[in-house]
Amino acid sequence: MRFVISRFDPWAKYAGFNQFDCQHHQINKFVKDSLKKQVKQGLSVAYALLEESENSGVDRFVGFYTIASHSIPLSAVTSIQLGSLPRIIPCIRLIMLGIHIEDANKGFGSQLMNHAFDVVKSSANSVGCYGLYLDADAGAVNFYKKLGFVLLGGDKTPEPSPMFITLSAIS
């Protein structure tokens, strides 16, 4: 088995796409109802973690993340020592990330996040970007903390908790 991360193609056929289940209702619904549409409309860019097919020619959809340009007010990041910054901070937003339940706990989430970090660093070389913003679900806050994200305004559990990592903190 070989796993690769590639740009999600909304016109491609992926084995297991319609059966995707990461045990999170909102993410599962997004994959089934909105992922292809949002990518086609240019509202976000998605990257898919695929298990390459040796025989059928159709790669299996294992997981994904979506990102888009974003901005947050300076007041939202007061918990981070930033120095002098504009009132509106340009950043990238991680919108969704999910791994199929059968592939969970194999390090694929970290692989997708490292890929996202590379995309953010590359984007920052072309367009102003101060870091990566996300709204972490209750069960994912510690995962993102281990990656270097900081809570903005504390843990909002059971609601999503805003988190941020500066470009300088992305290794």
Protein backbone atom coordinates (compact mmCIF):
# COMPACT_ATOMS: atom_id res chain seq x y z
CA MET A 1 0.00 0.00 0.00
CA ARG A 2 1.21 3.46 -0.87
CA PHE A 3 -0.45 6.60 0.42
CA VAL A 4 -0.09 9.97 -1.30
CA ILE A 5 -1.44 13.45 -0.76
CA SER A 6 -2.60 15.20 -3.89
CA ARG A 7 -4.83 18.07 -4.88
CA PHE A 8 -8.44 16.95 -4.69
CA ASP A 9 -10.06 16.73 -8.12
CA PRO A 10 -13.82 17.29 -7.82
CA TRP A 11 -14.39 15.55 -11.17
CA ALA A 12 -12.37 12.43 -10.32
CA LYS A 13 -13.79 9.15 -9.09
CA TYR A 14 -12.32 8.00 -5.77
CA ALA A 15 -12.99 4.56 -4.33
CA GLY A 16 -14.73 4.83 -0.97
CA PHE A 17 -15.60 8.51 -1.38
CA ASN A 18 -19.35 8.00 -0.90
CA GLN A 19 -18.68 5.72 2.07
CA PHE A 20 -16.33 8.16 3.81
CA ASP A 21 -16.94 8.15 7.58
CA CYS A 22 -14.70 9.87 10.09
CA GLN A 23 -17.32 9.53 12.84
CA HIS A 24 -17.97 13.27 12.85
CA HIS A 25 -21.41 14.12 11.49
CA GLN A 26 -20.58 17.64 10.26
CA ILE A 27 -17.41 16.55 8.42
CA ASN A 28 -19.12 13.52 6.88
CA LYS A 29 -22.00 15.72 5.70
CA PHE A 30 -19.53 18.25 4.25
CA VAL A 31 -17.75 15.52 2.25
CA LYS A 32 -20.99 14.12 0.85
CA ASP A 33 -22.83 17.40 0.22
CA SER A 34 -20.34 20.26 -0.18
CA LEU A 35 -16.72 19.27 -0.80
CA LYS A 36 -16.91 18.88 -4.58
CA LYS A 37 -19.15 21.92 -4.99
CA GLN A 38 -16.94 24.24 -2.91
CA VAL A 39 -13.80 23.19 -4.73
CA LYS A 40 -15.48 23.65 -8.13
CA GLN A 41 -16.60 27.15 -7.08
CA GLY A 42 -13.11 28.10 -5.92
CA LEU A 43 -14.26 28.75 -2.35
CA SER A 44 -11.57 26.46 -0.97
CA VAL A 45 -8.82 24.15 -2.09
CA ALA A 46 -8.81 20.55 -0.94
CA TYR A 47 -6.06 17.99 -0.67
CA ALA A 48 -6.85 14.29 -0.51
CA LEU A 49 -4.97 11.51 1.17
CA LEU A 50 -5.25 8.60 -1.24
CA GLU A 51 -4.29 4.97 -1.15
CA GLU A 52 -2.93 4.38 -4.63
CA SER A 53 -4.55 1.60 -6.58
CA GLU A 54 -2.28 -1.02 -8.10
CA ASN A 55 -4.92 -2.71 -10.24
CA SER A 56 -8.19 -0.80 -10.63
CA GLY A 57 -6.77 2.61 -11.50
CA VAL A 58 -9.11 4.22 -8.95
CA ASP A 59 -7.41 5.53 -5.81
CA ARG A 60 -9.13 5.05 -2.44
CA PHE A 61 -10.19 8.23 -0.60
CA VAL A 62 -8.69 7.95 2.90
CA GLY A 63 -8.85 11.53 4.17
CA PHE A 64 -8.69 15.18 3.22
CA TYR A 65 -8.33 18.75 4.33
CA THR A 66 -9.63 22.01 2.90
CA ILE A 67 -8.06 25.44 3.17
CA ALA A 68 -8.87 28.96 2.02
CA SER A 69 -7.57 32.46 2.37
CA HIS A 70 -8.88 34.19 5.46
CA SER A 71 -8.30 37.07 7.82
CA ILE A 72 -8.90 37.60 11.52
CA PRO A 73 -9.01 40.77 13.57
CA LEU A 74 -5.93 41.61 15.61
CA SER A 75 -8.12 41.56 18.73
CA ALA A 76 -8.70 37.82 18.20
CA VAL A 77 -5.02 37.00 18.61
CA THR A 78 -4.24 38.99 21.75
CA SER A 79 -3.22 35.77 23.55
CA ILE A 80 -0.18 35.53 21.25
CA GLN A 81 2.75 37.91 21.66
CA LEU A 82 2.79 39.47 18.21
CA GLY A 83 4.43 42.85 18.31
CA SER A 84 3.17 45.55 15.99
CA LEU A 85 0.62 44.26 13.46
CA PRO A 86 -2.23 45.67 11.36
CA ARG A 87 -5.80 45.55 12.68
CA ILE A 88 -6.65 42.75 10.22
CA ILE A 89 -4.29 39.76 10.09
CA PRO A 90 -4.05 37.88 6.76
CA CYS A 91 -3.90 34.12 7.22
CA ILE A 92 -4.95 30.79 5.81
CA ARG A 93 -7.88 28.93 7.34
CA LEU A 94 -8.01 25.19 7.73
CA ILE A 95 -11.71 24.56 7.18
CA MET A 96 -12.08 20.80 7.47
CA LEU A 97 -9.86 17.80 8.08
CA GLY A 98 -10.99 14.20 8.27
CA ILE A 99 -9.59 10.67 8.16
CA HIS A 100 -11.77 7.63 7.42
CA ILE A 101 -12.39 5.69 10.65
CA GLU A 102 -10.69 2.53 9.32
CA ASP A 103 -7.51 4.57 8.79
CA ALA A 104 -7.60 6.52 12.07
CA ASN A 105 -4.69 6.49 14.53
CA LYS A 106 -2.09 5.73 11.86
CA GLY A 107 -0.52 9.21 11.77
CA PHE A 108 -2.43 10.32 8.68
CA GLY A 109 -3.86 13.40 10.42
CA SER A 110 -0.33 14.59 11.21
CA GLN A 111 0.74 13.88 7.64
CA LEU A 112 -2.12 16.00 6.31
CA MET A 113 -1.28 18.80 8.75
CA ASN A 114 2.40 18.76 7.75
CA HIS A 115 1.27 19.04 4.14
CA ALA A 116 -1.01 21.94 5.08
CA PHE A 117 1.94 23.63 6.82
CA ASP A 118 3.95 23.32 3.59
CA VAL A 119 1.07 24.84 1.61
CA VAL A 120 0.82 27.73 4.09
CA LYS A 121 4.58 28.39 3.90
CA SER A 122 4.46 28.30 0.11
CA SER A 123 1.45 30.62 0.05
CA ALA A 124 3.20 33.05 2.38
CA ASN A 125 6.01 33.36 -0.17
CA SER A 126 3.49 34.57 -2.77
CA VAL A 127 0.86 36.45 -0.77
CA GLY A 128 0.94 37.96 2.72
CA CYS A 129 0.11 35.37 5.34
CA TYR A 130 0.80 35.48 9.07
CA GLY A 131 -0.20 31.91 9.95
CA LEU A 132 -2.88 29.25 10.01
CA TYR A 133 -6.27 29.62 11.72
CA LEU A 134 -8.80 26.89 12.52
CA ASP A 135 -11.81 26.11 14.68
CA ALA A 136 -10.98 22.91 16.54
CA ASP A 137 -13.67 20.50 17.63
CA ALA A 138 -13.55 19.46 21.28
CA GLY A 139 -11.89 16.13 20.53
CA ALA A 140 -9.19 17.72 18.36
CA VAL A 141 -7.91 20.55 20.58
CA ASN A 142 -5.04 18.49 22.04
CA PHE A 143 -4.07 17.19 18.59
CA TYR A 144 -3.65 20.77 17.35
CA LYS A 145 -1.89 21.89 20.54
CA LYS A 146 0.75 19.20 19.97
CA LEU A 147 1.34 20.70 16.52
CA GLY A 148 1.99 24.14 18.04
CA PHE A 149 -1.43 25.80 17.76
CA VAL A 150 -2.50 28.21 20.49
CA LEU A 151 -6.08 28.59 21.71
CA LEU A 152 -7.54 32.02 21.00
CA GLY A 153 -9.80 32.93 23.89
CA GLY A 154 -9.60 29.56 25.64
CA ASP A 155 -11.21 26.20 25.14
CA LYS A 156 -14.83 26.68 24.05
CA THR A 157 -15.83 23.01 24.44
CA PRO A 158 -18.36 21.73 23.50
CA GLU A 159 -18.35 24.44 20.79
CA PRO A 160 -15.42 24.68 18.33
CA SER A 161 -12.39 26.48 19.77
CA PRO A 162 -10.53 29.03 17.61
CA MET A 163 -6.81 28.22 17.34
CA PHE A 164 -3.87 29.82 15.57
CA ILE A 165 -0.26 29.05 14.71
CA THR A 166 2.04 31.76 13.40
CA LEU A 167 4.09 31.19 10.29
CA SER A 168 7.25 31.52 12.39
CA ALA A 169 6.06 28.65 14.63
CA ILE A 170 5.48 26.28 11.71
CA SER A 171 8.58 24.14 11.41
